[in-house]
Protein backbone atom coordinates (compact mmCIF):
# COMPACT_ATOMS: atom_id res chain seq x y z
CA MET A 1 6.77 28.05 -46.49
CA PRO A 2 5.23 24.72 -47.63
CA ARG A 3 6.34 21.78 -45.51
CA PRO A 4 6.50 18.10 -46.42
CA CYS A 5 4.70 16.95 -43.25
CA HIS A 6 3.12 18.49 -40.17
CA LEU A 7 1.45 16.74 -37.23
CA GLU A 8 -1.23 18.74 -35.44
CA LYS A 9 -2.79 17.72 -32.14
CA PHE A 10 -6.47 16.90 -32.59
CA THR A 11 -9.00 18.72 -30.44
CA SER A 12 -11.82 19.14 -32.97
CA TYR A 13 -12.05 19.20 -36.76
CA GLU A 14 -13.11 22.85 -36.67
CA ARG A 15 -9.91 23.82 -34.86
CA SER A 16 -7.36 21.21 -35.83
CA VAL A 17 -7.84 20.98 -39.61
CA PRO A 18 -7.16 24.71 -40.21
CA ARG A 19 -4.19 24.52 -37.83
CA ALA A 20 -2.82 21.52 -39.69
CA LEU A 21 -3.04 23.44 -42.99
CA LYS A 22 -1.32 26.41 -41.39
CA GLY A 23 1.39 24.16 -39.99
CA ALA A 24 1.96 22.71 -43.45
CA GLY A 25 2.18 26.20 -44.95
CA ALA A 26 -0.74 25.57 -47.27
CA ALA A 27 -2.50 28.95 -47.46
CA LYS A 28 -0.42 30.55 -50.22
CA VAL A 29 -0.46 27.40 -52.33
CA LEU A 30 -4.23 26.97 -52.03
CA ALA A 31 -4.79 30.65 -52.80
CA GLY A 32 -3.27 30.15 -56.23
CA GLN A 33 -5.59 27.34 -57.34
CA ARG A 34 -8.61 27.57 -59.66
CA ARG A 35 -10.21 24.25 -58.74
CA ILE A 36 -9.49 22.11 -55.68
CA LEU A 37 -10.61 18.49 -55.62
CA ILE A 38 -11.03 16.91 -52.18
CA LYS A 39 -10.78 13.11 -52.32
CA PRO A 40 -12.16 11.70 -49.02
CA ASN A 41 -11.94 8.06 -47.99
CA LEU A 42 -15.49 6.78 -48.50
CA VAL A 43 -14.79 3.16 -49.35
CA ASN A 44 -18.33 2.16 -48.37
CA ALA A 45 -21.25 3.48 -46.30
CA SER A 46 -19.83 2.48 -42.91
CA PRO A 47 -19.72 5.24 -40.28
CA PRO A 48 -16.42 6.80 -39.17
CA PRO A 49 -13.68 5.90 -38.50
CA VAL A 50 -14.03 3.46 -41.42
CA THR A 51 -14.93 6.47 -43.55
CA LEU A 52 -13.99 10.13 -43.30
CA PRO A 53 -16.44 12.15 -41.18
CA VAL A 54 -18.30 14.78 -43.14
CA GLU A 55 -17.35 17.22 -40.37
CA ALA A 56 -13.69 16.80 -41.32
CA VAL A 57 -14.38 17.82 -44.92
CA GLU A 58 -16.59 20.69 -43.73
CA ALA A 59 -13.65 22.00 -41.68
CA LEU A 60 -11.34 21.66 -44.69
CA VAL A 61 -13.78 23.48 -46.96
CA GLY A 62 -14.04 26.30 -44.43
CA ALA A 63 -10.26 26.56 -44.20
CA ILE A 64 -9.89 26.61 -47.99
CA ARG A 65 -12.58 29.26 -48.34
CA GLY A 66 -10.66 31.38 -45.82
CA CYS A 67 -7.63 31.61 -48.11
CA SER A 68 -8.76 30.77 -51.64
CA ASP A 69 -11.45 31.62 -54.19
CA ALA A 70 -11.02 28.26 -55.91
CA GLU A 71 -13.93 26.12 -56.98
CA ILE A 72 -14.15 23.18 -54.56
CA VAL A 73 -15.17 19.70 -55.70
CA VAL A 74 -15.63 16.66 -53.45
CA ALA A 75 -14.91 13.56 -55.51
CA GLU A 76 -14.88 9.85 -54.71
CA GLY A 77 -15.26 6.54 -56.44
CA ALA A 78 -16.55 4.15 -53.80
CA GLY A 79 -15.38 0.55 -53.81
CA ASP A 80 -18.52 -1.04 -52.37
CA LEU A 81 -19.89 -3.79 -54.59
CA HIS A 82 -23.57 -3.08 -53.91
CA LEU A 83 -23.77 0.69 -53.35
CA GLU A 84 -22.97 3.41 -55.86
CA THR A 85 -21.05 6.53 -54.88
CA PRO A 86 -24.06 8.94 -54.89
CA ALA A 87 -25.86 6.69 -52.39
CA ILE A 88 -22.80 6.68 -50.14
CA PHE A 89 -22.55 10.48 -50.38
CA ARG A 90 -26.19 10.64 -49.27
CA ILE A 91 -25.91 8.11 -46.43
CA LEU A 92 -22.84 9.79 -44.96
CA GLY A 93 -24.22 13.34 -45.21
CA TYR A 94 -22.05 14.65 -48.04
CA ASP A 95 -25.08 15.72 -50.07
CA ARG A 96 -26.12 18.04 -47.25
CA LEU A 97 -22.58 19.42 -47.02
CA ALA A 98 -22.57 20.09 -50.76
CA ALA A 99 -25.91 21.90 -50.61
CA ALA A 100 -24.85 24.02 -47.64
CA TYR A 101 -21.54 25.13 -49.18
CA GLY A 102 -22.35 25.12 -52.89
CA LEU A 103 -19.99 22.25 -53.68
CA GLU A 104 -20.06 19.85 -56.60
CA LEU A 105 -20.07 16.14 -55.75
CA VAL A 106 -18.37 14.00 -58.40
CA ASP A 107 -18.62 10.23 -58.78
CA LEU A 108 -15.16 9.29 -60.02
CA ASN A 109 -16.46 5.85 -60.96
CA GLU A 110 -18.47 7.46 -63.77
CA ALA A 111 -16.30 10.45 -64.71
CA PRO A 112 -14.80 10.92 -68.19
CA LEU A 113 -11.43 9.17 -68.49
CA LYS A 114 -8.04 9.73 -70.02
CA GLU A 115 -5.49 7.04 -70.77
CA LEU A 116 -2.01 7.74 -69.46
CA LYS A 117 1.11 5.77 -70.38
CA ASP A 118 4.40 5.14 -68.63
CA PRO A 119 6.40 2.20 -70.02
CA SER A 120 8.62 2.22 -66.94
CA CYS A 121 5.66 0.97 -64.88
CA THR A 122 5.70 -2.85 -64.74
CA VAL A 123 2.16 -3.51 -63.45
CA TYR A 124 0.32 -0.69 -65.24
CA PRO A 125 2.30 0.62 -68.24
CA SER A 126 -0.96 2.35 -69.13
CA MET A 127 -3.68 3.57 -66.79
CA PHE A 128 -7.11 5.11 -67.17
CA LEU A 129 -7.91 7.90 -64.72
CA PRO A 130 -10.64 10.55 -64.52
CA GLU A 131 -9.75 13.67 -66.48
CA ILE A 132 -10.83 15.87 -63.58
CA LEU A 133 -7.86 14.59 -61.54
CA LEU A 134 -5.52 15.98 -64.14
CA GLU A 135 -7.30 19.33 -64.25
CA SER A 136 -7.56 19.99 -60.50
CA TYR A 137 -5.43 20.51 -57.43
CA VAL A 138 -5.95 17.22 -55.57
CA ILE A 139 -6.18 16.86 -51.80
CA SER A 140 -6.21 13.26 -50.56
CA PHE A 141 -8.01 13.29 -47.20
CA ALA A 142 -7.52 9.79 -45.82
CA VAL A 143 -8.34 8.05 -42.55
CA LEU A 144 -5.64 6.46 -40.39
CA LYS A 145 -6.21 2.72 -40.84
CA ALA A 146 -4.36 -0.57 -40.92
CA HIS A 147 -5.08 -2.63 -44.04
CA SER A 148 -5.31 -6.39 -44.48
CA LEU A 149 -3.41 -6.39 -47.79
CA ALA A 150 -1.54 -3.08 -48.00
CA ASP A 151 -0.51 -2.96 -44.30
CA VAL A 152 -1.76 0.62 -44.07
CA THR A 153 -4.28 2.69 -45.99
CA LEU A 154 -3.29 6.35 -45.96
CA SER A 155 -3.01 9.18 -48.48
CA MET A 156 -1.45 7.19 -51.33
CA LYS A 157 -3.66 4.12 -50.89
CA ASN A 158 -6.67 6.48 -50.79
CA MET A 159 -5.99 7.34 -54.43
CA ILE A 160 -7.20 3.87 -55.50
CA GLY A 161 -10.71 5.28 -55.14
CA CYS A 162 -9.99 7.39 -58.22
CA ALA A 163 -9.63 4.36 -60.49
CA PRO A 164 -12.65 3.48 -62.68
CA PRO A 165 -14.41 0.13 -62.15
CA SER A 166 -14.84 -0.11 -65.91
CA HIS A 167 -11.14 -0.99 -66.06
CA TYR A 168 -10.19 -2.12 -62.55
CA GLN A 169 -13.01 -4.27 -61.19
CA GLN A 170 -12.29 -7.97 -61.49
CA GLY A 171 -14.27 -11.09 -60.64
CA GLY A 172 -17.39 -9.33 -59.38
CA HIS A 173 -15.69 -8.16 -56.21
CA TRP A 174 -14.76 -4.68 -54.91
CA LYS A 175 -14.95 -2.08 -57.65
CA LYS A 176 -11.16 -1.61 -57.57
CA SER A 177 -10.26 -5.27 -57.02
CA ALA A 178 -7.63 -5.39 -59.79
CA PHE A 179 -5.33 -3.44 -57.48
CA HIS A 180 -5.41 -6.21 -54.87
CA SER A 181 -2.98 -8.22 -56.98
CA ARG A 182 0.53 -6.89 -56.34
CA ILE A 183 -1.08 -4.21 -54.22
CA HIS A 184 2.05 -2.38 -53.10
CA GLU A 185 3.39 -2.03 -56.64
CA SER A 186 -0.09 -1.03 -57.82
CA ILE A 187 -0.42 1.76 -55.24
CA PHE A 188 3.04 3.02 -56.10
CA GLU A 189 2.39 3.05 -59.84
CA LEU A 190 -1.03 4.68 -59.49
CA ASN A 191 0.63 7.50 -57.56
CA ARG A 192 3.33 7.79 -60.21
CA TYR A 193 0.53 8.67 -62.62
CA ARG A 194 -1.27 10.99 -60.15
CA LYS A 195 -0.13 11.54 -56.62
CA PRO A 196 -1.98 13.98 -54.35
CA ASP A 197 -0.81 17.59 -54.34
CA LEU A 198 -1.66 17.86 -50.65
CA ALA A 199 -2.05 14.88 -48.33
CA ILE A 200 -4.08 14.90 -45.12
CA ILE A 201 -4.74 12.04 -42.70
CA ASP A 202 -7.52 12.09 -40.14
CA ALA A 203 -5.69 10.40 -37.26
CA SER A 204 -8.13 11.62 -34.62
CA VAL A 205 -8.95 7.98 -33.77
CA GLY A 206 -7.59 5.44 -36.27
CA LEU A 207 -8.23 1.76 -36.88
CA ALA A 208 -5.42 -0.39 -35.52
CA GLU A 209 -6.17 -3.77 -37.10
CA HIS A 210 -8.40 -3.59 -40.16
CA HIS A 211 -9.61 -0.93 -42.58
CA LEU A 212 -13.26 -1.98 -42.44
CA GLY A 213 -13.67 -1.82 -38.69
CA VAL A 214 -12.81 -3.98 -35.66
CA ALA A 215 -10.46 -2.29 -33.17
CA PRO A 216 -9.93 1.48 -33.01
CA CYS A 217 -6.53 2.74 -31.91
CA ASP A 218 -6.32 2.59 -28.12
CA PRO A 219 -5.47 5.20 -27.10
CA PRO A 220 -6.69 7.25 -30.09
CA ALA A 221 -3.87 8.76 -32.15
CA ARG A 222 -5.41 12.24 -31.77
CA LYS A 223 -3.56 13.86 -34.66
CA ILE A 224 -4.23 15.50 -38.00
CA VAL A 225 -1.33 14.92 -40.38
CA ALA A 226 -0.89 17.25 -43.36
CA GLY A 227 1.81 17.97 -45.89
CA PHE A 228 2.82 18.37 -49.51
CA ASP A 229 4.82 15.14 -49.59
CA PRO A 230 2.48 12.12 -49.48
CA VAL A 231 5.40 9.79 -48.79
CA ALA A 232 6.39 11.75 -45.68
CA VAL A 233 2.75 12.04 -44.60
CA ASP A 234 2.18 8.30 -45.01
CA ALA A 235 5.41 7.44 -43.21
CA ALA A 236 4.18 9.55 -40.29
CA GLY A 237 0.81 7.80 -40.46
CA ALA A 238 2.49 4.39 -40.38
CA ARG A 239 4.38 5.43 -37.26
CA LEU A 240 1.12 6.45 -35.58
CA LEU A 241 -0.11 2.91 -36.26
CA GLY A 242 3.04 1.47 -34.70
CA SER A 243 4.52 0.39 -38.04
CA ASP A 244 7.93 0.99 -39.57
CA TRP A 245 7.38 2.58 -42.99
CA ARG A 246 10.32 0.54 -44.32
CA GLN A 247 8.18 -2.56 -43.84
CA VAL A 248 5.28 -1.08 -45.86
CA GLY A 249 5.96 -1.97 -49.48
CA HIS A 250 4.32 0.95 -51.28
CA ILE A 251 5.86 3.56 -48.97
CA ARG A 252 9.27 1.95 -49.39
CA LEU A 253 8.86 1.94 -53.18
CA ALA A 254 7.75 5.59 -53.20
CA ASP A 255 10.55 6.79 -50.93
CA GLY A 256 13.05 8.76 -53.00
CA VAL A 257 10.80 8.63 -56.09
CA LEU A 258 7.52 10.34 -55.17
CA GLY A 259 8.82 12.02 -52.03
CA GLU A 260 10.97 11.45 -48.98
CA ALA A 261 9.77 9.32 -46.09
CA GLU A 262 12.02 11.15 -43.68
CA VAL A 263 14.52 14.00 -43.63
CA ARG A 264 17.98 12.84 -44.62
CA GLY A 265 21.24 14.48 -43.78
CA GLY A 266 21.57 17.94 -42.31
């Protein structure tokens, strides 16, 4: 039975990622999909744990192939000001992964867009997102990291990479820099338009202070978190970073709307 959140002890990606999917009850759900889009956290070309190791996605692809005949796409829209997404795919080894497994790599920064509207959203009553997100089963595969503006960057924050620079780059800075203003509300509203169908966090190590490097978690978190509720998954990720999810604005906003941060009652 699908579960909102499962924490799996990390031993290796090859072992722990499939176990995390099993713990979340994902096999039957994945088996019913026609196209699965994996959205890794590849904000720039920095090595892991700033970015998601290609070995983690390889383990996920293998686990999906073991239970599903779906087409698998790896899609990202990198935020780096100077490097385009295809270059980052190449530097981090994702082009070799795609060739080995017959995967399509998609640059979400250049993908065809669709305008969505929700007048109840106060920051973004309309939003442009890649059409492929709306036509695929989306897995957000994030890295466990603290964030200088958003407090944490986990499965819901990872979805900012889907937003096109043509609409959300401001002032010549990061390609998604528009989201830095009112960042918690922006993350929440983006996920109201398109939240991940399955959320996974690579918490094998984690970054304790900053999303672009500095101090890794000491000791390493040594977990893979997976579940169908991104709010529950991100609340668990916040706890692994030593944070109370109630103090993280976008998780607090999403709680009870996009999912449940924790089990209530019973």
